[in-house]
Amino acid sequence: LCSYIVWYCRWIYNFNIKGKEYGEEERLYIIRKSMKMSKSQFDSLEDH
């Protein structure tokens, strides 16, 4: 819970306030959320 709060605050500060560009990890996270897939389901996909 504490880790998630820290991560969420960093996300808001970096991308919503400072307007930084998404990295690869952040882009894949947004894609996974759009597809409504769990982390284990998304990790099981092929790299290609």
ModelCIF file with pLDDT and N, C-alpha, C, O atoms, coordinates in Angstrom:
data_MODEL
#
_entry.id   MODEL 
#
_entity.id                         1 
_entity.type                       polymer 
_entity.pdbx_number_of_molecules   1 
#
_entity_poly.entity_id                      1 
_entity_poly.type                           'polypeptide(L)' 
_entity_poly.nstd_linkage                   no 
_entity_poly.nstd_monomer                   no 
_entity_poly.pdbx_seq_one_letter_code       LCSYIVWYCRWIYNFNIKGKEYGEEERLYIIRKSMKMSKSQFDSLEDH 
_entity_poly.pdbx_seq_one_letter_code_can   LCSYIVWYCRWIYNFNIKGKEYGEEERLYIIRKSMKMSKSQFDSLEDH 
_entity_poly.pdbx_strand_id                 A 
#
loop_
_entity_poly_seq.entity_id 
_entity_poly_seq.num 
_entity_poly_seq.mon_id 
_entity_poly_seq.hetero 
1 1  LEU n 
1 2  CYS n 
1 3  SER n 
1 4  TYR n 
1 5  ILE n 
1 6  VAL n 
1 7  TRP n 
1 8  TYR n 
1 9  CYS n 
1 10 ARG n 
1 11 TRP n 
1 12 ILE n 
1 13 TYR n 
1 14 ASN n 
1 15 PHE n 
1 16 ASN n 
1 17 ILE n 
1 18 LYS n 
1 19 GLY n 
1 20 LYS n 
1 21 GLU n 
1 22 TYR n 
1 23 GLY n 
1 24 GLU n 
1 25 GLU n 
1 26 GLU n 
1 27 ARG n 
1 28 LEU n 
1 29 TYR n 
1 30 ILE n 
1 31 ILE n 
1 32 ARG n 
1 33 LYS n 
1 34 SER n 
1 35 MET n 
1 36 LYS n 
1 37 MET n 
1 38 SER n 
1 39 LYS n 
1 40 SER n 
1 41 GLN n 
1 42 PHE n 
1 43 ASP n 
1 44 SER n 
1 45 LEU n 
1 46 GLU n 
1 47 ASP n 
1 48 HIS n 
#
_struct_asym.id          A 
_struct_asym.entity_id   1 
#
loop_
_ma_qa_metric.id 
_ma_qa_metric.mode 
_ma_qa_metric.name 
_ma_qa_metric.software_group_id 
_ma_qa_metric.type 
1 global pLDDT . pLDDT 
2 local  pLDDT . pLDDT 
#
_ma_qa_metric_global.metric_id      1 
_ma_qa_metric_global.metric_value   88.50 
_ma_qa_metric_global.model_id       1 
_ma_qa_metric_global.ordinal_id     1 
#
loop_
_ma_qa_metric_local.label_asym_id 
_ma_qa_metric_local.label_comp_id 
_ma_qa_metric_local.label_seq_id 
_ma_qa_metric_local.metric_id 
_ma_qa_metric_local.metric_value 
_ma_qa_metric_local.model_id 
_ma_qa_metric_local.ordinal_id 
A LEU 1  2 93.00 1 1  
A CYS 2  2 94.00 1 2  
A SER 3  2 93.00 1 3  
A TYR 4  2 92.00 1 4  
A ILE 5  2 95.00 1 5  
A VAL 6  2 95.00 1 6  
A TRP 7  2 93.00 1 7  
A TYR 8  2 92.00 1 8  
A CYS 9  2 94.00 1 9  
A ARG 10 2 93.00 1 10 
A TRP 11 2 92.00 1 11 
A ILE 12 2 92.00 1 12 
A TYR 13 2 91.00 1 13 
A ASN 14 2 91.00 1 14 
A PHE 15 2 89.00 1 15 
A ASN 16 2 88.00 1 16 
A ILE 17 2 89.00 1 17 
A LYS 18 2 88.00 1 18 
A GLY 19 2 86.00 1 19 
A LYS 20 2 89.00 1 20 
A GLU 21 2 89.00 1 21 
A TYR 22 2 90.00 1 22 
A GLY 23 2 90.00 1 23 
A GLU 24 2 90.00 1 24 
A GLU 25 2 90.00 1 25 
A GLU 26 2 91.00 1 26 
A ARG 27 2 92.00 1 27 
A LEU 28 2 91.00 1 28 
A TYR 29 2 92.00 1 29 
A ILE 30 2 92.00 1 30 
A ILE 31 2 92.00 1 31 
A ARG 32 2 91.00 1 32 
A LYS 33 2 91.00 1 33 
A SER 34 2 90.00 1 34 
A MET 35 2 88.00 1 35 
A LYS 36 2 88.00 1 36 
A MET 37 2 86.00 1 37 
A SER 38 2 83.00 1 38 
A LYS 39 2 81.00 1 39 
A SER 40 2 75.00 1 40 
A GLN 41 2 78.00 1 41 
A PHE 42 2 83.00 1 42 
A ASP 43 2 79.00 1 43 
A SER 44 2 75.00 1 44 
A LEU 45 2 80.00 1 45 
A GLU 46 2 81.00 1 46 
A ASP 47 2 84.00 1 47 
A HIS 48 2 87.00 1 48 
#
loop_
_atom_site.group_PDB 
_atom_site.id 
_atom_site.type_symbol 
_atom_site.label_atom_id 
_atom_site.label_alt_id 
_atom_site.label_comp_id 
_atom_site.label_asym_id 
_atom_site.label_entity_id 
_atom_site.label_seq_id 
_atom_site.pdbx_PDB_ins_code 
_atom_site.Cartn_x 
_atom_site.Cartn_y 
_atom_site.Cartn_z 
_atom_site.occupancy 
_atom_site.B_iso_or_equiv 
_atom_site.pdbx_formal_charge 
_atom_site.auth_seq_id 
_atom_site.auth_comp_id 
_atom_site.auth_asym_id 
_atom_site.auth_atom_id 
_atom_site.pdbx_PDB_model_num 
ATOM 1   N N  . LEU A 1 1  ? 0.833  -1.201  0.000   1.00 93.00 ? 1  LEU A N  1 
ATOM 2   C CA . LEU A 1 1  ? 0.000  0.000   0.000   1.00 93.00 ? 1  LEU A CA 1 
ATOM 3   C C  . LEU A 1 1  ? 0.869  1.253   0.000   1.00 93.00 ? 1  LEU A C  1 
ATOM 4   O O  . LEU A 1 1  ? 0.619  2.187   -0.762  1.00 93.00 ? 1  LEU A O  1 
ATOM 5   N N  . CYS A 1 2  ? 1.886  1.273   0.852   1.00 94.00 ? 2  CYS A N  1 
ATOM 6   C CA . CYS A 1 2  ? 2.802  2.431   0.891   1.00 94.00 ? 2  CYS A CA 1 
ATOM 7   C C  . CYS A 1 2  ? 3.545  2.584   -0.428  1.00 94.00 ? 2  CYS A C  1 
ATOM 8   O O  . CYS A 1 2  ? 3.730  3.699   -0.915  1.00 94.00 ? 2  CYS A O  1 
ATOM 9   N N  . SER A 1 3  ? 3.973  1.459   -1.009  1.00 93.00 ? 3  SER A N  1 
ATOM 10  C CA . SER A 1 3  ? 4.683  1.513   -2.287  1.00 93.00 ? 3  SER A CA 1 
ATOM 11  C C  . SER A 1 3  ? 3.788  2.063   -3.395  1.00 93.00 ? 3  SER A C  1 
ATOM 12  O O  . SER A 1 3  ? 4.234  2.843   -4.237  1.00 93.00 ? 3  SER A O  1 
ATOM 13  N N  . TYR A 1 4  ? 2.528  1.649   -3.385  1.00 92.00 ? 4  TYR A N  1 
ATOM 14  C CA . TYR A 1 4  ? 1.598  2.135   -4.402  1.00 92.00 ? 4  TYR A CA 1 
ATOM 15  C C  . TYR A 1 4  ? 1.347  3.635   -4.248  1.00 92.00 ? 4  TYR A C  1 
ATOM 16  O O  . TYR A 1 4  ? 1.280  4.354   -5.245  1.00 92.00 ? 4  TYR A O  1 
ATOM 17  N N  . ILE A 1 5  ? 1.207  4.111   -3.014  1.00 95.00 ? 5  ILE A N  1 
ATOM 18  C CA . ILE A 1 5  ? 0.981  5.544   -2.789  1.00 95.00 ? 5  ILE A CA 1 
ATOM 19  C C  . ILE A 1 5  ? 2.171  6.354   -3.283  1.00 95.00 ? 5  ILE A C  1 
ATOM 20  O O  . ILE A 1 5  ? 2.001  7.384   -3.934  1.00 95.00 ? 5  ILE A O  1 
ATOM 21  N N  . VAL A 1 6  ? 3.399  5.876   -2.968  1.00 95.00 ? 6  VAL A N  1 
ATOM 22  C CA . VAL A 1 6  ? 4.608  6.568   -3.433  1.00 95.00 ? 6  VAL A CA 1 
ATOM 23  C C  . VAL A 1 6  ? 4.677  6.561   -4.959  1.00 95.00 ? 6  VAL A C  1 
ATOM 24  O O  . VAL A 1 6  ? 4.975  7.582   -5.578  1.00 95.00 ? 6  VAL A O  1 
ATOM 25  N N  . TRP A 1 7  ? 4.394  5.386   -5.567  1.00 93.00 ? 7  TRP A N  1 
ATOM 26  C CA . TRP A 1 7  ? 4.421  5.281   -7.033  1.00 93.00 ? 7  TRP A CA 1 
ATOM 27  C C  . TRP A 1 7  ? 3.390  6.202   -7.664  1.00 93.00 ? 7  TRP A C  1 
ATOM 28  O O  . TRP A 1 7  ? 3.680  6.864   -8.661  1.00 93.00 ? 7  TRP A O  1 
ATOM 29  N N  . TYR A 1 8  ? 2.191  6.253   -7.099  1.00 92.00 ? 8  TYR A N  1 
ATOM 30  C CA . TYR A 1 8  ? 1.120  7.086   -7.663  1.00 92.00 ? 8  TYR A CA 1 
ATOM 31  C C  . TYR A 1 8  ? 1.466  8.564   -7.560  1.00 92.00 ? 8  TYR A C  1 
ATOM 32  O O  . TYR A 1 8  ? 1.203  9.324   -8.492  1.00 92.00 ? 8  TYR A O  1 
ATOM 33  N N  . CYS A 1 9  ? 2.054  8.984   -6.437  1.00 94.00 ? 9  CYS A N  1 
ATOM 34  C CA . CYS A 1 9  ? 2.457  10.387  -6.270  1.00 94.00 ? 9  CYS A CA 1 
ATOM 35  C C  . CYS A 1 9  ? 3.544  10.759  -7.275  1.00 94.00 ? 9  CYS A C  1 
ATOM 36  O O  . CYS A 1 9  ? 3.515  11.850  -7.844  1.00 94.00 ? 9  CYS A O  1 
ATOM 37  N N  . ARG A 1 10 ? 4.506  9.855   -7.497  1.00 93.00 ? 10 ARG A N  1 
ATOM 38  C CA . ARG A 1 10 ? 5.548  10.113  -8.491  1.00 93.00 ? 10 ARG A CA 1 
ATOM 39  C C  . ARG A 1 10 ? 4.963  10.233  -9.885  1.00 93.00 ? 10 ARG A C  1 
ATOM 40  O O  . ARG A 1 10 ? 5.370  11.089  -10.671 1.00 93.00 ? 10 ARG A O  1 
ATOM 41  N N  . TRP A 1 11 ? 3.985  9.350   -10.188 1.00 92.00 ? 11 TRP A N  1 
ATOM 42  C CA . TRP A 1 11 ? 3.341  9.382   -11.507 1.00 92.00 ? 11 TRP A CA 1 
ATOM 43  C C  . TRP A 1 11 ? 2.660  10.734  -11.715 1.00 92.00 ? 11 TRP A C  1 
ATOM 44  O O  . TRP A 1 11 ? 2.842  11.357  -12.762 1.00 92.00 ? 11 TRP A O  1 
ATOM 45  N N  . ILE A 1 12 ? 1.887  11.195  -10.747 1.00 92.00 ? 12 ILE A N  1 
ATOM 46  C CA . ILE A 1 12 ? 1.190  12.474  -10.851 1.00 92.00 ? 12 ILE A CA 1 
ATOM 47  C C  . ILE A 1 12 ? 2.191  13.617  -11.021 1.00 92.00 ? 12 ILE A C  1 
ATOM 48  O O  . ILE A 1 12 ? 2.001  14.512  -11.845 1.00 92.00 ? 12 ILE A O  1 
ATOM 49  N N  . TYR A 1 13 ? 3.259  13.566  -10.223 1.00 91.00 ? 13 TYR A N  1 
ATOM 50  C CA . TYR A 1 13 ? 4.245  14.660  -10.256 1.00 91.00 ? 13 TYR A CA 1 
ATOM 51  C C  . TYR A 1 13 ? 5.009  14.681  -11.585 1.00 91.00 ? 13 TYR A C  1 
ATOM 52  O O  . TYR A 1 13 ? 5.182  15.743  -12.184 1.00 91.00 ? 13 TYR A O  1 
ATOM 53  N N  . ASN A 1 14 ? 5.466  13.505  -12.048 1.00 91.00 ? 14 ASN A N  1 
ATOM 54  C CA . ASN A 1 14 ? 6.308  13.450  -13.244 1.00 91.00 ? 14 ASN A CA 1 
ATOM 55  C C  . ASN A 1 14 ? 5.526  13.687  -14.530 1.00 91.00 ? 14 ASN A C  1 
ATOM 56  O O  . ASN A 1 14 ? 5.985  14.424  -15.403 1.00 91.00 ? 14 ASN A O  1 
ATOM 57  N N  . PHE A 1 15 ? 4.343  13.070  -14.662 1.00 89.00 ? 15 PHE A N  1 
ATOM 58  C CA . PHE A 1 15 ? 3.644  13.081  -15.945 1.00 89.00 ? 15 PHE A CA 1 
ATOM 59  C C  . PHE A 1 15 ? 2.477  14.064  -16.000 1.00 89.00 ? 15 PHE A C  1 
ATOM 60  O O  . PHE A 1 15 ? 2.179  14.600  -17.067 1.00 89.00 ? 15 PHE A O  1 
ATOM 61  N N  . ASN A 1 16 ? 1.814  14.309  -14.874 1.00 88.00 ? 16 ASN A N  1 
ATOM 62  C CA . ASN A 1 16 ? 0.686  15.241  -14.877 1.00 88.00 ? 16 ASN A CA 1 
ATOM 63  C C  . ASN A 1 16 ? 1.122  16.678  -14.586 1.00 88.00 ? 16 ASN A C  1 
ATOM 64  O O  . ASN A 1 16 ? 0.591  17.622  -15.171 1.00 88.00 ? 16 ASN A O  1 
ATOM 65  N N  . ILE A 1 17 ? 2.094  16.841  -13.678 1.00 89.00 ? 17 ILE A N  1 
ATOM 66  C CA . ILE A 1 17 ? 2.520  18.190  -13.291 1.00 89.00 ? 17 ILE A CA 1 
ATOM 67  C C  . ILE A 1 17 ? 3.690  18.658  -14.161 1.00 89.00 ? 17 ILE A C  1 
ATOM 68  O O  . ILE A 1 17 ? 3.618  19.721  -14.778 1.00 89.00 ? 17 ILE A O  1 
ATOM 69  N N  . LYS A 1 18 ? 4.769  17.865  -14.212 1.00 88.00 ? 18 LYS A N  1 
ATOM 70  C CA . LYS A 1 18 ? 5.954  18.280  -14.970 1.00 88.00 ? 18 LYS A CA 1 
ATOM 71  C C  . LYS A 1 18 ? 5.829  17.976  -16.455 1.00 88.00 ? 18 LYS A C  1 
ATOM 72  O O  . LYS A 1 18 ? 6.556  18.551  -17.265 1.00 88.00 ? 18 LYS A O  1 
ATOM 73  N N  . GLY A 1 19 ? 4.905  17.064  -16.830 1.00 86.00 ? 19 GLY A N  1 
ATOM 74  C CA . GLY A 1 19 ? 4.666  16.772  -18.240 1.00 86.00 ? 19 GLY A CA 1 
ATOM 75  C C  . GLY A 1 19 ? 5.778  15.997  -18.909 1.00 86.00 ? 19 GLY A C  1 
ATOM 76  O O  . GLY A 1 19 ? 6.056  16.207  -20.090 1.00 86.00 ? 19 GLY A O  1 
ATOM 77  N N  . LYS A 1 20 ? 6.425  15.096  -18.170 1.00 89.00 ? 20 LYS A N  1 
ATOM 78  C CA . LYS A 1 20 ? 7.490  14.287  -18.754 1.00 89.00 ? 20 LYS A CA 1 
ATOM 79  C C  . LYS A 1 20 ? 6.921  13.296  -19.774 1.00 89.00 ? 20 LYS A C  1 
ATOM 80  O O  . LYS A 1 20 ? 5.738  12.956  -19.734 1.00 89.00 ? 20 LYS A O  1 
ATOM 81  N N  . GLU A 1 21 ? 7.776  12.843  -20.680 1.00 89.00 ? 21 GLU A N  1 
ATOM 82  C CA . GLU A 1 21 ? 7.362  11.853  -21.681 1.00 89.00 ? 21 GLU A CA 1 
ATOM 83  C C  . GLU A 1 21 ? 7.398  10.462  -21.062 1.00 89.00 ? 21 GLU A C  1 
ATOM 84  O O  . GLU A 1 21 ? 8.283  10.151  -20.264 1.00 89.00 ? 21 GLU A O  1 
ATOM 85  N N  . TYR A 1 22 ? 6.429  9.627   -21.435 1.00 90.00 ? 22 TYR A N  1 
ATOM 86  C CA . TYR A 1 22 ? 6.364  8.266   -20.898 1.00 90.00 ? 22 TYR A CA 1 
ATOM 87  C C  . TYR A 1 22 ? 7.565  7.447   -21.361 1.00 90.00 ? 22 TYR A C  1 
ATOM 88  O O  . TYR A 1 22 ? 8.001  7.548   -22.508 1.00 90.00 ? 22 TYR A O  1 
ATOM 89  N N  . GLY A 1 23 ? 8.090  6.636   -20.447 1.00 90.00 ? 23 GLY A N  1 
ATOM 90  C CA . GLY A 1 23 ? 9.101  5.660   -20.817 1.00 90.00 ? 23 GLY A CA 1 
ATOM 91  C C  . GLY A 1 23 ? 8.445  4.375   -21.285 1.00 90.00 ? 23 GLY A C  1 
ATOM 92  O O  . GLY A 1 23 ? 7.218  4.282   -21.310 1.00 90.00 ? 23 GLY A O  1 
ATOM 93  N N  . GLU A 1 24 ? 9.248  3.378   -21.659 1.00 90.00 ? 24 GLU A N  1 
ATOM 94  C CA . GLU A 1 24 ? 8.693  2.117   -22.157 1.00 90.00 ? 24 GLU A CA 1 
ATOM 95  C C  . GLU A 1 24 ? 7.852  1.421   -21.107 1.00 90.00 ? 24 GLU A C  1 
ATOM 96  O O  . GLU A 1 24 ? 6.786  0.890   -21.419 1.00 90.00 ? 24 GLU A O  1 
ATOM 97  N N  . GLU A 1 25 ? 8.318  1.416   -19.860 1.00 90.00 ? 25 GLU A N  1 
ATOM 98  C CA . GLU A 1 25 ? 7.584  0.751   -18.786 1.00 90.00 ? 25 GLU A CA 1 
ATOM 99  C C  . GLU A 1 25 ? 6.246  1.419   -18.556 1.00 90.00 ? 25 GLU A C  1 
ATOM 100 O O  . GLU A 1 25 ? 5.240  0.734   -18.371 1.00 90.00 ? 25 GLU A O  1 
ATOM 101 N N  . GLU A 1 26 ? 6.213  2.738   -18.563 1.00 91.00 ? 26 GLU A N  1 
ATOM 102 C CA . GLU A 1 26 ? 4.957  3.469   -18.352 1.00 91.00 ? 26 GLU A CA 1 
ATOM 103 C C  . GLU A 1 26 ? 4.001  3.257   -19.525 1.00 91.00 ? 26 GLU A C  1 
ATOM 104 O O  . GLU A 1 26 ? 2.790  3.142   -19.337 1.00 91.00 ? 26 GLU A O  1 
ATOM 105 N N  . ARG A 1 27 ? 4.555  3.207   -20.734 1.00 92.00 ? 27 ARG A N  1 
ATOM 106 C CA . ARG A 1 27 ? 3.699  2.985   -21.905 1.00 92.00 ? 27 ARG A CA 1 
ATOM 107 C C  . ARG A 1 27 ? 3.045  1.602   -21.855 1.00 92.00 ? 27 ARG A C  1 
ATOM 108 O O  . ARG A 1 27 ? 1.852  1.464   -22.125 1.00 92.00 ? 27 ARG A O  1 
ATOM 109 N N  . LEU A 1 28 ? 3.825  0.590   -21.510 1.00 91.00 ? 28 LEU A N  1 
ATOM 110 C CA . LEU A 1 28 ? 3.269  -0.762  -21.405 1.00 91.00 ? 28 LEU A CA 1 
ATOM 111 C C  . LEU A 1 28 ? 2.232  -0.837  -20.285 1.00 91.00 ? 28 LEU A C  1 
ATOM 112 O O  . LEU A 1 28 ? 1.247  -1.566  -20.399 1.00 91.00 ? 28 LEU A O  1 
ATOM 113 N N  . TYR A 1 29 ? 2.448  -0.094  -19.215 1.00 92.00 ? 29 TYR A N  1 
ATOM 114 C CA . TYR A 1 29 ? 1.477  -0.080  -18.109 1.00 92.00 ? 29 TYR A CA 1 
ATOM 115 C C  . TYR A 1 29 ? 0.142  0.500   -18.575 1.00 92.00 ? 29 TYR A C  1 
ATOM 116 O O  . TYR A 1 29 ? -0.915 -0.045  -18.257 1.00 92.00 ? 29 TYR A O  1 
ATOM 117 N N  . ILE A 1 30 ? 0.185  1.610   -19.333 1.00 92.00 ? 30 ILE A N  1 
ATOM 118 C CA . ILE A 1 30 ? -1.051 2.229   -19.831 1.00 92.00 ? 30 ILE A CA 1 
ATOM 119 C C  . ILE A 1 30 ? -1.759 1.284   -20.804 1.00 92.00 ? 30 ILE A C  1 
ATOM 120 O O  . ILE A 1 30 ? -2.983 1.163   -20.780 1.00 92.00 ? 30 ILE A O  1 
ATOM 121 N N  . ILE A 1 31 ? -0.983 0.618   -21.658 1.00 92.00 ? 31 ILE A N  1 
ATOM 122 C CA . ILE A 1 31 ? -1.568 -0.333  -22.612 1.00 92.00 ? 31 ILE A CA 1 
ATOM 123 C C  . ILE A 1 31 ? -2.246 -1.480  -21.874 1.00 92.00 ? 31 ILE A C  1 
ATOM 124 O O  . ILE A 1 31 ? -3.353 -1.891  -22.225 1.00 92.00 ? 31 ILE A O  1 
ATOM 125 N N  . ARG A 1 32 ? -1.571 -1.992  -20.847 1.00 91.00 ? 32 ARG A N  1 
ATOM 126 C CA . ARG A 1 32 ? -2.147 -3.101  -20.071 1.00 91.00 ? 32 ARG A CA 1 
ATOM 127 C C  . ARG A 1 32 ? -3.447 -2.683  -19.410 1.00 91.00 ? 32 ARG A C  1 
ATOM 128 O O  . ARG A 1 32 ? -4.406 -3.454  -19.395 1.00 91.00 ? 32 ARG A O  1 
ATOM 129 N N  . LYS A 1 33 ? -3.496 -1.476  -18.864 1.00 91.00 ? 33 LYS A N  1 
ATOM 130 C CA . LYS A 1 33 ? -4.717 -0.995  -18.226 1.00 91.00 ? 33 LYS A CA 1 
ATOM 131 C C  . LYS A 1 33 ? -5.830 -0.805  -19.248 1.00 91.00 ? 33 LYS A C  1 
ATOM 132 O O  . LYS A 1 33 ? -6.995 -1.077  -18.958 1.00 91.00 ? 33 LYS A O  1 
ATOM 133 N N  . SER A 1 34 ? -5.479 -0.343  -20.432 1.00 90.00 ? 34 SER A N  1 
ATOM 134 C CA . SER A 1 34 ? -6.500 -0.171  -21.475 1.00 90.00 ? 34 SER A CA 1 
ATOM 135 C C  . SER A 1 34 ? -7.085 -1.512  -21.901 1.00 90.00 ? 34 SER A C  1 
ATOM 136 O O  . SER A 1 34 ? -8.275 -1.617  -22.197 1.00 90.00 ? 34 SER A O  1 
ATOM 137 N N  . MET A 1 35 ? -6.229 -2.541  -21.928 1.00 88.00 ? 35 MET A N  1 
ATOM 138 C CA . MET A 1 35 ? -6.686 -3.879  -22.304 1.00 88.00 ? 35 MET A CA 1 
ATOM 139 C C  . MET A 1 35 ? -7.355 -4.619  -21.157 1.00 88.00 ? 35 MET A C  1 
ATOM 140 O O  . MET A 1 35 ? -7.892 -5.711  -21.343 1.00 88.00 ? 35 MET A O  1 
ATOM 141 N N  . LYS A 1 36 ? -7.322 -4.023  -19.970 1.00 88.00 ? 36 LYS A N  1 
ATOM 142 C CA . LYS A 1 36 ? -7.947 -4.615  -18.773 1.00 88.00 ? 36 LYS A CA 1 
ATOM 143 C C  . LYS A 1 36 ? -7.388 -6.014  -18.488 1.00 88.00 ? 36 LYS A C  1 
ATOM 144 O O  . LYS A 1 36 ? -8.132 -6.960  -18.230 1.00 88.00 ? 36 LYS A O  1 
ATOM 145 N N  . MET A 1 37 ? -6.067 -6.112  -18.542 1.00 86.00 ? 37 MET A N  1 
ATOM 146 C CA . MET A 1 37 ? -5.374 -7.367  -18.287 1.00 86.00 ? 37 MET A CA 1 
ATOM 147 C C  . MET A 1 37 ? -4.604 -7.255  -16.975 1.00 86.00 ? 37 MET A C  1 
ATOM 148 O O  . MET A 1 37 ? -4.095 -6.189  -16.628 1.00 86.00 ? 37 MET A O  1 
ATOM 149 N N  . SER A 1 38 ? -4.526 -8.371  -16.254 1.00 83.00 ? 38 SER A N  1 
ATOM 150 C CA . SER A 1 38 ? -3.709 -8.397  -15.044 1.00 83.00 ? 38 SER A CA 1 
ATOM 151 C C  . SER A 1 38 ? -2.232 -8.431  -15.429 1.00 83.00 ? 38 SER A C  1 
ATOM 152 O O  . SER A 1 38 ? -1.883 -8.673  -16.585 1.00 83.00 ? 38 SER A O  1 
ATOM 153 N N  . LYS A 1 39 ? -1.378 -8.184  -14.449 1.00 81.00 ? 39 LYS A N  1 
ATOM 154 C CA . LYS A 1 39 ? 0.064  -8.160  -14.727 1.00 81.00 ? 39 LYS A CA 1 
ATOM 155 C C  . LYS A 1 39 ? 0.560  -9.522  -15.206 1.00 81.00 ? 39 LYS A C  1 
ATOM 156 O O  . LYS A 1 39 ? 1.375  -9.602  -16.125 1.00 81.00 ? 39 LYS A O  1 
ATOM 157 N N  . SER A 1 40 ? 0.063  -10.602 -14.579 1.00 75.00 ? 40 SER A N  1 
ATOM 158 C CA . SER A 1 40 ? 0.491  -11.941 -14.985 1.00 75.00 ? 40 SER A CA 1 
ATOM 159 C C  . SER A 1 40 ? 0.020  -12.263 -16.399 1.00 75.00 ? 40 SER A C  1 
ATOM 160 O O  . SER A 1 40 ? 0.750  -12.890 -17.167 1.00 75.00 ? 40 SER A O  1 
ATOM 161 N N  . GLN A 1 41 ? -1.195 -11.840 -16.752 1.00 78.00 ? 41 GLN A N  1 
ATOM 162 C CA . GLN A 1 41 ? -1.699 -12.081 -18.103 1.00 78.00 ? 41 GLN A CA 1 
ATOM 163 C C  . GLN A 1 41 ? -0.867 -11.312 -19.133 1.00 78.00 ? 41 GLN A C  1 
ATOM 164 O O  . GLN A 1 41 ? -0.525 -11.850 -20.186 1.00 78.00 ? 41 GLN A O  1 
ATOM 165 N N  . PHE A 1 42 ? -0.547 -10.062 -18.827 1.00 83.00 ? 42 PHE A N  1 
ATOM 166 C CA . PHE A 1 42 ? 0.217  -9.247  -19.762 1.00 83.00 ? 42 PHE A CA 1 
ATOM 167 C C  . PHE A 1 42 ? 1.651  -9.757  -19.895 1.00 83.00 ? 42 PHE A C  1 
ATOM 168 O O  . PHE A 1 42 ? 2.219  -9.740  -20.987 1.00 83.00 ? 42 PHE A O  1 
ATOM 169 N N  . ASP A 1 43 ? 2.232  -10.208 -18.787 1.00 79.00 ? 43 ASP A N  1 
ATOM 170 C CA . ASP A 1 43 ? 3.601  -10.737 -18.833 1.00 79.00 ? 43 ASP A CA 1 
ATOM 171 C C  . ASP A 1 43 ? 3.693  -12.020 -19.638 1.00 79.00 ? 43 ASP A C  1 
ATOM 172 O O  . ASP A 1 43 ? 4.750  -12.341 -20.181 1.00 79.00 ? 43 ASP A O  1 
ATOM 173 N N  . SER A 1 44 ? 2.589  -12.760 -19.718 1.00 75.00 ? 44 SER A N  1 
ATOM 174 C CA . SER A 1 44 ? 2.603  -14.023 -20.459 1.00 75.00 ? 44 SER A CA 1 
ATOM 175 C C  . SER A 1 44 ? 2.571  -13.820 -21.971 1.00 75.00 ? 44 SER A C  1 
ATOM 176 O O  . SER A 1 44 ? 2.763  -14.776 -22.723 1.00 75.00 ? 44 SER A O  1 
ATOM 177 N N  . LEU A 1 45 ? 2.331  -12.585 -22.431 1.00 80.00 ? 45 LEU A N  1 
ATOM 178 C CA . LEU A 1 45 ? 2.335  -12.308 -23.868 1.00 80.00 ? 45 LEU A CA 1 
ATOM 179 C C  . LEU A 1 45 ? 3.751  -12.400 -24.417 1.00 80.00 ? 45 LEU A C  1 
ATOM 180 O O  . LEU A 1 45 ? 4.729  -12.202 -23.697 1.00 80.00 ? 45 LEU A O  1 
ATOM 181 N N  . GLU A 1 46 ? 3.840  -12.705 -25.712 1.00 81.00 ? 46 GLU A N  1 
ATOM 182 C CA . GLU A 1 46 ? 5.138  -12.780 -26.366 1.00 81.00 ? 46 GLU A CA 1 
ATOM 183 C C  . GLU A 1 46 ? 5.745  -11.384 -26.509 1.00 81.00 ? 46 GLU A C  1 
ATOM 184 O O  . GLU A 1 46 ? 5.032  -10.382 -26.558 1.00 81.00 ? 46 GLU A O  1 
ATOM 185 N N  . ASP A 1 47 ? 7.068  -11.343 -26.573 1.00 84.00 ? 47 ASP A N  1 
ATOM 186 C CA . ASP A 1 47 ? 7.763  -10.056 -26.676 1.00 84.00 ? 47 ASP A CA 1 
ATOM 187 C C  . ASP A 1 47 ? 7.411  -9.331  -27.975 1.00 84.00 ? 47 ASP A C  1 
ATOM 188 O O  . ASP A 1 47 ? 7.310  -8.104  -28.000 1.00 84.00 ? 47 ASP A O  1 
ATOM 189 N N  . HIS A 1 48 ? 7.224  -10.099 -29.054 1.00 87.00 ? 48 HIS A N  1 
ATOM 190 C CA . HIS A 1 48 ? 6.915  -9.443  -30.328 1.00 87.00 ? 48 HIS A CA 1 
ATOM 191 C C  . HIS A 1 48 ? 5.535  -8.779  -30.290 1.00 87.00 ? 48 HIS A C  1 
ATOM 192 O O  . HIS A 1 48 ? 5.111  -8.179  -31.278 1.00 87.00 ? 48 HIS A O  1 
#
